[in-house]
Amino acid sequence: MNLLLISNSTNFGETYLAWAMSQLESFCEKNKLSSDSRIVFVPFAGVFINGNPYPQSYDAYTARVKKVFEDKLGLCNFVSVHEVEDKIKLVEEAACIVVGGGNTFHLVAELHKYGLMDAISKVAKEGTPYIGWSAGSNIACPTLCTTNDMPIVQPASFNTLNLVPFQINPHYLDPHPEIDKMIKHGGETRQDRINEYLAVNQNMKVVGLREASALWVTGNKIALKGGKKMMVFKYGTEPLELEPNTDVTQYVIG
């Protein structure tokens, strides 16, 4: 498999996908993607309402991502699954699948609705390159159960692409982040919630993927990319922190 699983699209104060551009460039070059390669985008994590600062439709979301892929990566053959009737055929013919961020429950519900969960899983396992950020990285896991999102809709199933044998928590935050200079968060931390998941899923591992980091999956090898350390959680053991730009395969598999 060839997967690029990115924690977040945008760092504070930066332009869209700016921090991840070096990862995207290397991934596309490694997979020999060119201007003629059919890039298939999945915008279904987007939930658009009046007053939302983000684009107001799947068309606008697609246009936002398409502009980056065209201008920065030279990938001009870019189409979204919402634009075509035969969505499964489009996925089967893709040179690369790209799944954007947003609400994971909405994304999973739509993928199951259109039969795309199985279709994307099949082609990715056969070697079609896959790029996902935020919700798009979460669904590479066996289930959506370690998302940070509210369940605004009920999917047909919590099962997702099952491309990696562990769970990812995108946007991982360390315990007790400061809300401001005087107040600290006093409720459940991200680690608390992950521990709850592990208490009832004791054979799983959870990767806490901090902002500005990504996992590269190449065949059976997994590498941590970016500038941040990664957390690995396992039931009954102390969390493990791993250095960026290293092979993390042995820590997340098995």
Foldseek 3Di string as FASTA:
>chain_A
DWEKEAQAQDDPPDDGNVLVLVVVQVSCVVLVQAQPFAEEEEEQLDDADPPDPADRDSVRVQVRVQCCCCPRVVHNNYDYLVVDDQSLVSLVRGLEYEYEHHALLRSQQVCVVNVNQASNLVVVVVPRYYYYYQSSNQLCDQFNQQEPHDNPDHHPDRGGSHNDDAGEYRQADDPFDDPDPPDTDDDDHSVNSVQVVCVVVQVHKYKYHHHQWIWTDDPQWIFIAGQDWMWIDHPPDDIDIGGHGGTCNVVHDD
